[in-house]
Amino acid sequence: SWEPWLVLLIRSPLSSSPAVGQSGPYETSHCRQTLPEESRPPKGLYIYGNVGTGKTMLMDLFYSHVTNSRKKRVHFNSFMLDVHKRIHRRKQSLPKRRLGKMFTYDPISPVAMEISREISLLCFDEFQVTDVADAMILKQLFETLFKTGVVVVATSNRPPDVKLRNMYFSVCVQEYCHTVCLDSGTDYRRLDRPGAGKLYYLSGEPGAEAYLDTLFEEMSIRQRSPRVLTVLGRDVILQKTCGSIADCTFDELCGKPMGASDYLEMARIFDTVFIRHVPILTLTLKDQARRFTTLIDNFYDKKVRVVLLAAAPLDRLFVHTGGEDERDRQLLDDLGLTDDAAERLTLFTAEEEIFAFQRTISRLMEMQTETYWVEGDRSYSSRHLNS
């Protein structure tokens, strides 16, 4: 069912014409384009479906066929980090305000215009918003991007109507994108493929810690030492590293206020990360669970290899128990939302965590295969490229 949309996009003027996205803002009324039909860019795609069904593969296949250089393929987390940096840079460039002098400045539309001048096609993976502030930024950002002719191809586990309703998104996403459900009912990452050895250990197994110690010793070729990563002006300390390998605990990576920027920096430096003492993740550990899914998302996107020591097998690592915590209650009060309204927001339910963790489990399954392990060996990749 997706082939016609793929062919339509590949054969569209977007594939070669540099003019797309450069003609300036569209005159719109409730997101309605009023330019002549022949002047409009093609609609984008919003591809959704269950985990492991080939959404990213399809998007990458399309992206590789687009010859227009004004294109960008990025993971959703990286995209949001870039947007926040652009907003921060614009705010920093403002003249200093004198005491008592108040003025309002909205940097989101200028940032969107800046992006639209750079690209005419934006492909991004794993569209998932659980942060209210990000949702409000994206609403205004994408309204401007669409109006300036940027074509968006996105993948997500969630259908757009659910996400848009629950996270305040504009109906423009559905108006400017074809919605395609890609769900065969098969998670292809779970199909039998040659494994790369034992890479997932249970805490209760006799000698599990010793197995990880031995594997780390075998992979380590230089003196082990702590390493300090500087991320956005602050230090992230990893206690046990060696070259491109890091040996970390779950608490070290997910028990602290860390996020996508920290994990992206780790993925840039390390090709292999040991993660010890992963607990069973319940909703009472919602923050840690969200960080863990973000960690694995970024590692998977950058082909980082992982070895895990966990409290339960993969299919029993996430348990849907517990409920609203005190911080959620406080946020509801601050937003002035009733309990009925909160029930309709996935931010205050387990829906997003469940979907995200299904993706995490699926990706961890693939990350244990021989194919993934070989692709993630950067020293092998460098030798192969230089040979």
Protein backbone atom coordinates (compact mmCIF):
# COMPACT_ATOMS: atom_id res chain seq x y z
CA SER A 1 0.00 0.00 0.00
CA TRP A 2 2.99 2.34 0.41
CA GLU A 3 4.60 1.86 -3.03
CA PRO A 4 2.49 4.49 -4.87
CA TRP A 5 3.43 7.18 -2.36
CA LEU A 6 7.12 6.29 -2.60
CA VAL A 7 7.02 6.42 -6.42
CA LEU A 8 5.04 9.68 -6.30
CA LEU A 9 7.65 11.36 -4.11
CA ILE A 10 10.68 10.02 -5.97
CA ARG A 11 9.27 11.19 -9.30
CA SER A 12 8.12 14.56 -7.96
CA PRO A 13 9.92 17.84 -8.78
CA LEU A 14 11.36 17.73 -5.26
CA SER A 15 13.88 15.10 -6.37
CA SER A 16 15.82 17.54 -8.54
CA SER A 17 14.39 21.05 -8.52
CA PRO A 18 16.19 23.54 -6.26
CA ALA A 19 13.22 25.89 -6.43
CA VAL A 20 11.04 23.89 -4.09
CA GLY A 21 10.82 25.59 -0.72
CA GLN A 22 12.35 28.86 -1.99
CA SER A 23 9.26 30.65 -3.22
CA GLY A 24 8.44 32.19 0.16
CA PRO A 25 5.48 31.76 2.49
CA TYR A 26 2.23 30.54 1.14
CA GLU A 27 -0.84 32.68 1.61
CA THR A 28 -2.93 30.49 3.88
CA SER A 29 -6.22 30.54 5.66
CA HIS A 30 -6.51 27.83 8.28
CA CYS A 31 -3.51 26.18 6.63
CA ARG A 32 -5.17 26.23 3.17
CA GLN A 33 -2.75 26.84 0.31
CA THR A 34 -3.97 29.42 -2.18
CA LEU A 35 -1.16 29.21 -4.72
CA PRO A 36 -1.90 27.58 -8.09
CA GLU A 37 -1.76 23.81 -7.96
CA GLU A 38 1.31 23.62 -10.21
CA SER A 39 3.30 25.87 -7.84
CA ARG A 40 2.83 23.71 -4.77
CA PRO A 41 5.34 21.10 -3.64
CA PRO A 42 4.16 17.50 -3.26
CA LYS A 43 2.63 16.40 -0.02
CA GLY A 44 4.91 14.68 2.44
CA LEU A 45 4.42 11.37 4.21
CA TYR A 46 3.61 10.49 7.79
CA ILE A 47 4.42 6.77 8.05
CA TYR A 48 3.23 5.04 11.19
CA GLY A 49 2.84 1.48 12.39
CA ASN A 50 4.03 -1.00 14.95
CA VAL A 51 7.69 -1.56 15.80
CA GLY A 52 10.03 -3.35 13.40
CA THR A 53 7.77 -3.11 10.33
CA GLY A 54 10.22 -1.28 8.05
CA LYS A 55 9.26 2.40 8.45
CA THR A 56 12.83 3.66 8.80
CA MET A 57 14.04 1.43 5.96
CA LEU A 58 11.33 2.85 3.68
CA MET A 59 12.15 6.44 4.59
CA ASP A 60 15.89 5.87 4.05
CA LEU A 61 15.16 4.21 0.70
CA PHE A 62 13.25 7.28 -0.43
CA TYR A 63 15.90 9.67 0.93
CA SER A 64 18.67 7.88 -0.97
CA HIS A 65 16.81 8.41 -4.26
CA VAL A 66 16.34 12.18 -3.85
CA THR A 67 19.04 14.00 -5.83
CA ASN A 68 18.20 17.47 -4.56
CA SER A 69 21.01 18.52 -2.21
CA ARG A 70 18.63 20.63 -0.12
CA LYS A 71 17.59 17.64 1.97
CA LYS A 72 18.19 16.51 5.53
CA ARG A 73 17.69 13.16 7.26
CA VAL A 74 17.80 13.31 11.04
CA HIS A 75 16.58 11.45 14.12
CA PHE A 76 13.79 13.30 15.92
CA ASN A 77 15.90 13.78 19.07
CA SER A 78 18.74 15.34 17.06
CA PHE A 79 16.28 17.58 15.23
CA MET A 80 14.84 18.93 18.49
CA LEU A 81 18.32 19.56 19.91
CA ASP A 82 19.18 21.56 16.79
CA VAL A 83 15.95 23.57 17.06
CA HIS A 84 16.62 24.38 20.74
CA LYS A 85 20.17 25.50 19.88
CA ARG A 86 18.88 27.78 17.13
CA ILE A 87 16.29 29.30 19.47
CA HIS A 88 18.92 29.81 22.16
CA ARG A 89 21.32 31.42 19.66
CA ARG A 90 18.67 33.89 18.52
CA LYS A 91 17.74 34.81 22.07
CA GLN A 92 21.40 35.35 22.93
CA SER A 93 21.78 37.74 19.99
CA LEU A 94 19.11 40.09 21.33
CA PRO A 95 20.29 43.39 22.85
CA LYS A 96 20.48 43.43 26.63
CA ARG A 97 17.24 44.56 28.24
CA ARG A 98 17.28 47.37 30.70
CA LEU A 99 15.48 46.99 34.00
CA GLY A 100 11.82 47.78 33.66
CA LYS A 101 11.88 47.50 29.87
CA MET A 102 9.76 44.54 28.80
CA PHE A 103 9.23 43.24 25.30
CA THR A 104 8.21 39.93 23.78
CA TYR A 105 10.19 38.11 21.13
CA ASP A 106 9.08 34.91 19.46
CA PRO A 107 12.11 33.14 17.93
CA ILE A 108 10.26 30.07 16.63
CA SER A 109 9.02 31.48 13.31
CA PRO A 110 12.45 32.99 12.44
CA VAL A 111 14.05 29.63 13.24
CA ALA A 112 11.55 27.89 10.95
CA MET A 113 12.34 30.37 8.17
CA GLU A 114 16.05 29.77 8.74
CA ILE A 115 15.54 26.00 8.35
CA SER A 116 13.36 26.44 5.25
CA ARG A 117 16.14 28.46 3.59
CA GLU A 118 18.53 25.55 4.15
CA ILE A 119 16.37 22.60 3.09
CA SER A 120 13.32 21.75 1.03
CA LEU A 121 13.01 18.15 2.28
CA LEU A 122 13.08 17.08 5.92
CA CYS A 123 13.11 13.37 6.72
CA PHE A 124 13.08 12.48 10.39
CA ASP A 125 12.76 9.24 12.25
CA GLU A 126 10.85 8.30 15.42
CA PHE A 127 8.48 11.24 15.70
CA GLN A 128 7.40 11.03 19.33
CA VAL A 129 6.58 13.95 21.61
CA THR A 130 6.12 13.48 25.35
CA ASP A 131 7.22 16.97 26.39
CA VAL A 132 4.58 19.73 26.41
CA ALA A 133 7.15 22.47 25.71
CA ASP A 134 8.46 20.60 22.63
CA ALA A 135 4.89 20.06 21.43
CA MET A 136 4.12 23.77 21.57
CA ILE A 137 7.37 24.62 19.74
CA LEU A 138 6.70 22.04 17.03
CA LYS A 139 3.16 23.27 16.44
CA GLN A 140 4.35 26.74 15.42
CA LEU A 141 7.56 25.50 13.81
CA PHE A 142 5.85 23.09 11.43
CA GLU A 143 3.04 25.46 10.54
CA THR A 144 5.74 27.83 9.24
CA LEU A 145 7.78 25.07 7.57
CA PHE A 146 4.73 23.78 5.71
CA LYS A 147 3.70 27.29 4.63
CA THR A 148 7.19 27.93 3.21
CA GLY A 149 7.07 24.77 1.11
CA VAL A 150 9.22 22.34 3.11
CA VAL A 151 8.21 18.73 2.46
CA VAL A 152 8.25 16.47 5.51
CA VAL A 153 8.60 12.69 5.57
CA ALA A 154 8.33 11.31 9.10
CA THR A 155 8.06 7.93 10.79
CA SER A 156 6.26 7.24 14.05
CA ASN A 157 4.71 4.43 16.06
CA ARG A 158 1.56 6.49 16.57
CA PRO A 159 -1.15 7.55 14.10
CA PRO A 160 -1.18 11.33 13.62
CA ASP A 161 -4.74 11.87 14.84
CA VAL A 162 -3.91 10.48 18.30
CA LYS A 163 -0.69 12.44 18.57
CA LEU A 164 -2.15 15.66 17.25
CA ARG A 165 -5.17 15.52 19.54
CA ASN A 166 -3.19 14.68 22.63
CA MET A 167 -0.20 16.98 22.11
CA TYR A 168 -1.91 20.13 20.77
CA PHE A 169 -0.62 19.69 17.22
CA SER A 170 -2.13 21.53 14.29
CA VAL A 171 -4.29 19.75 11.72
CA CYS A 172 -1.75 21.07 9.19
CA VAL A 173 0.30 17.89 9.66
CA GLN A 174 -2.55 15.83 8.27
CA GLU A 175 -3.28 18.40 5.55
CA TYR A 176 0.30 18.59 4.30
CA CYS A 177 1.20 14.90 4.63
CA HIS A 178 -0.24 11.68 3.30
CA THR A 179 -0.85 9.36 6.24
CA VAL A 180 0.35 5.80 5.57
CA CYS A 181 -0.07 2.88 7.95
CA LEU A 182 2.79 0.41 7.53
CA ASP A 183 1.88 -2.51 9.74
CA SER A 184 2.25 -6.06 8.48
CA GLY A 185 1.84 -7.52 11.95
CA THR A 186 5.45 -8.76 11.89
CA ASP A 187 8.36 -7.32 13.83
CA TYR A 188 11.18 -8.18 11.44
CA ARG A 189 13.81 -7.49 14.09
CA ARG A 190 12.52 -10.50 16.01
CA LEU A 191 12.98 -12.93 13.13
CA ASP A 192 15.69 -15.52 13.67
CA ARG A 193 19.05 -14.18 12.59
CA PRO A 194 22.56 -15.23 13.57
CA GLY A 195 23.44 -13.84 16.98
CA ALA A 196 26.68 -12.07 17.86
CA GLY A 197 27.19 -14.16 20.97
CA LYS A 198 25.73 -13.64 24.41
CA LEU A 199 25.20 -9.91 24.87
CA TYR A 200 22.26 -9.84 27.30
CA TYR A 201 22.78 -11.20 30.80
CA LEU A 202 20.46 -11.57 33.79
CA SER A 203 21.54 -10.24 37.16
CA GLY A 204 20.54 -13.50 38.84
CA GLU A 205 22.69 -15.68 36.59
CA PRO A 206 25.70 -17.19 38.37
CA GLY A 207 28.84 -15.39 37.27
CA ALA A 208 26.99 -12.77 35.16
CA GLU A 209 29.14 -9.90 36.43
CA ALA A 210 32.28 -11.93 35.80
CA TYR A 211 31.17 -12.62 32.20
CA LEU A 212 30.87 -8.88 31.56
CA ASP A 213 34.22 -8.21 33.23
CA THR A 214 35.88 -10.82 31.02
CA LEU A 215 34.26 -9.47 27.86
CA PHE A 216 35.29 -5.93 28.72
CA GLU A 217 38.86 -7.10 29.41
CA GLU A 218 38.95 -8.87 26.04
CA MET A 219 37.72 -5.78 24.19
CA SER A 220 39.91 -3.32 26.10
CA ILE A 221 43.31 -2.71 24.59
CA ARG A 222 44.39 0.43 26.44
CA GLN A 223 44.53 1.66 30.02
CA ARG A 224 41.05 2.03 31.49
CA SER A 225 40.21 5.37 33.05
CA PRO A 226 37.32 7.76 33.77
CA ARG A 227 36.37 10.08 30.94
CA VAL A 228 34.75 13.50 31.07
CA LEU A 229 32.42 14.47 28.24
CA THR A 230 31.55 18.14 27.82
CA VAL A 231 27.94 18.50 26.66
CA LEU A 232 26.35 21.93 26.23
CA GLY A 233 28.81 23.48 28.66
CA ARG A 234 28.51 20.88 31.44
CA ASP A 235 30.52 17.80 32.32
CA VAL A 236 29.29 14.21 32.10
CA ILE A 237 31.64 11.81 33.87
CA LEU A 238 31.86 8.13 32.90
CA GLN A 239 33.90 6.21 35.44
CA LYS A 240 35.14 3.28 33.33
CA THR A 241 36.12 3.72 29.69
CA CYS A 242 38.78 2.48 27.32
CA GLY A 243 39.16 3.96 23.86
CA SER A 244 35.85 3.50 22.05
CA ILE A 245 34.38 1.28 24.82
CA ALA A 246 32.47 2.45 27.92
CA ASP A 247 31.45 0.28 30.87
CA CYS A 248 28.54 1.98 32.67
CA THR A 249 25.75 1.28 35.12
CA PHE A 250 22.10 1.98 34.45
CA ASP A 251 22.08 4.55 37.25
CA GLU A 252 25.09 6.29 35.71
CA LEU A 253 23.27 6.69 32.39
CA CYS A 254 19.59 6.90 33.29
CA GLY A 255 19.38 7.66 37.00
CA LYS A 256 20.59 11.23 36.54
CA PRO A 257 19.11 14.18 34.61
CA MET A 258 20.60 13.22 31.26
CA GLY A 259 19.04 13.46 27.82
CA ALA A 260 19.43 13.05 24.09
CA SER A 261 22.36 15.48 23.85
CA ASP A 262 24.37 13.41 26.36
CA TYR A 263 23.58 10.13 24.62
CA LEU A 264 24.40 11.56 21.19
CA GLU A 265 27.81 12.65 22.47
CA MET A 266 28.38 9.15 23.86
CA ALA A 267 27.35 7.66 20.52
CA ARG A 268 29.86 9.91 18.77
CA ILE A 269 32.73 8.75 20.97
CA PHE A 270 31.96 5.09 21.77
CA ASP A 271 31.06 2.23 19.47
CA THR A 272 30.44 -0.23 22.34
CA VAL A 273 28.73 0.45 25.69
CA PHE A 274 28.22 -1.99 28.56
CA ILE A 275 25.12 -1.20 30.63
CA ARG A 276 24.98 -2.97 34.01
CA HIS A 277 22.21 -3.37 36.58
CA VAL A 278 19.22 -2.43 34.42
CA PRO A 279 16.22 -2.79 36.78
CA ILE A 280 12.72 -3.93 35.94
CA LEU A 281 11.17 -0.70 34.70
CA THR A 282 7.77 0.15 36.15
CA LEU A 283 5.79 3.36 35.82
CA THR A 284 7.18 4.45 39.17
CA LEU A 285 10.51 4.65 37.31
CA LYS A 286 8.95 6.62 34.45
CA ASP A 287 11.79 9.14 34.14
CA GLN A 288 14.45 6.42 34.08
CA ALA A 289 12.42 4.40 31.55
CA ARG A 290 12.11 7.43 29.26
CA ARG A 291 15.84 8.06 29.47
CA PHE A 292 16.55 4.41 28.71
CA THR A 293 14.36 4.49 25.58
CA THR A 294 16.05 7.73 24.48
CA LEU A 295 19.46 6.15 25.14
CA ILE A 296 18.70 3.06 23.04
CA ASP A 297 17.07 5.16 20.28
CA ASN A 298 20.22 7.24 19.88
CA PHE A 299 22.58 4.28 20.17
CA TYR A 300 20.57 2.34 17.59
CA ASP A 301 20.51 5.28 15.18
CA LYS A 302 24.32 5.60 15.42
CA LYS A 303 24.93 1.82 15.38
CA VAL A 304 26.41 1.72 18.89
CA ARG A 305 26.77 -1.85 20.22
CA VAL A 306 25.46 -2.65 23.69
CA VAL A 307 26.04 -5.42 26.23
CA LEU A 308 23.47 -5.53 29.02
CA LEU A 309 23.18 -6.95 32.51
CA ALA A 310 19.51 -6.71 33.50
CA ALA A 311 17.13 -7.84 36.22
CA ALA A 312 14.76 -9.63 33.81
CA PRO A 313 14.60 -11.00 30.26
CA LEU A 314 13.86 -8.45 27.55
CA ASP A 315 10.18 -9.34 27.21
CA ARG A 316 9.66 -8.82 30.96
CA LEU A 317 11.90 -5.79 31.47
CA PHE A 318 9.08 -3.22 31.29
CA VAL A 319 6.10 -3.78 33.60
CA HIS A 320 2.96 -1.69 33.28
CA THR A 321 2.31 -0.98 36.96
CA GLY A 322 2.13 2.13 39.08
CA GLY A 323 0.44 5.37 38.12
CA GLU A 324 0.51 9.13 38.24
CA ASP A 325 3.37 10.49 40.31
CA GLU A 326 3.56 13.68 42.33
CA ARG A 327 5.31 15.63 39.56
CA ASP A 328 2.55 14.76 37.08
CA ARG A 329 -0.01 15.92 39.63
CA GLN A 330 1.85 19.20 40.09
CA LEU A 331 2.12 19.75 36.33
CA LEU A 332 -1.63 19.14 35.94
CA ASP A 333 -2.30 21.76 38.59
CA ASP A 334 0.11 24.24 37.00
CA LEU A 335 -1.56 23.79 33.59
CA GLY A 336 -5.00 24.09 35.15
CA LEU A 337 -6.11 20.76 33.68
CA THR A 338 -8.88 18.63 35.09
CA ASP A 339 -8.53 14.89 35.62
CA ASP A 340 -10.83 14.33 32.61
CA ALA A 341 -8.51 16.38 30.40
CA ALA A 342 -5.47 14.58 31.74
CA GLU A 343 -6.94 11.22 30.79
CA ARG A 344 -6.96 12.37 27.16
CA LEU A 345 -3.30 13.39 27.26
CA THR A 346 -0.80 10.61 26.65
CA LEU A 347 1.74 12.67 28.59
CA PHE A 348 -0.08 11.67 31.80
CA THR A 349 -0.76 8.05 30.89
CA ALA A 350 1.38 5.01 30.17
CA GLU A 351 0.58 4.97 26.43
CA GLU A 352 3.73 6.71 25.22
CA GLU A 353 5.98 4.70 27.55
CA ILE A 354 4.43 1.42 26.37
CA PHE A 355 4.82 2.28 22.67
CA ALA A 356 8.33 3.60 23.19
CA PHE A 357 9.42 0.57 25.12
CA GLN A 358 8.00 -1.82 22.54
CA ARG A 359 10.32 -0.09 20.09
CA THR A 360 13.20 -0.33 22.58
CA ILE A 361 12.73 -4.09 23.03
CA SER A 362 12.52 -4.60 19.27
CA ARG A 363 15.70 -2.62 18.71
CA LEU A 364 17.58 -4.39 21.49
CA MET A 365 16.69 -7.68 19.81
CA GLU A 366 18.27 -6.50 16.55
CA MET A 367 21.26 -5.03 18.39
CA GLN A 368 22.21 -8.54 19.50
CA THR A 369 22.50 -9.89 15.97
CA GLU A 370 25.79 -10.55 14.22
CA THR A 371 24.88 -8.19 11.37
CA TYR A 372 24.33 -5.25 13.71
CA TRP A 373 27.43 -6.07 15.76
CA VAL A 374 29.67 -6.10 12.66
CA GLU A 375 28.13 -2.89 11.28
CA GLY A 376 28.76 -1.20 14.61
CA ASP A 377 32.49 -2.00 14.66
CA ARG A 378 33.90 1.38 13.63
CA SER A 379 37.47 0.15 13.44
CA TYR A 380 36.31 -2.50 10.93
CA SER A 381 34.29 0.12 9.00
CA SER A 382 37.33 2.43 8.82
CA ARG A 383 39.58 -0.38 7.55
CA HIS A 384 36.95 -1.38 5.01
CA LEU A 385 36.58 2.20 3.72
CA ASN A 386 40.33 2.73 3.50
CA SER A 387 41.06 -0.58 1.80
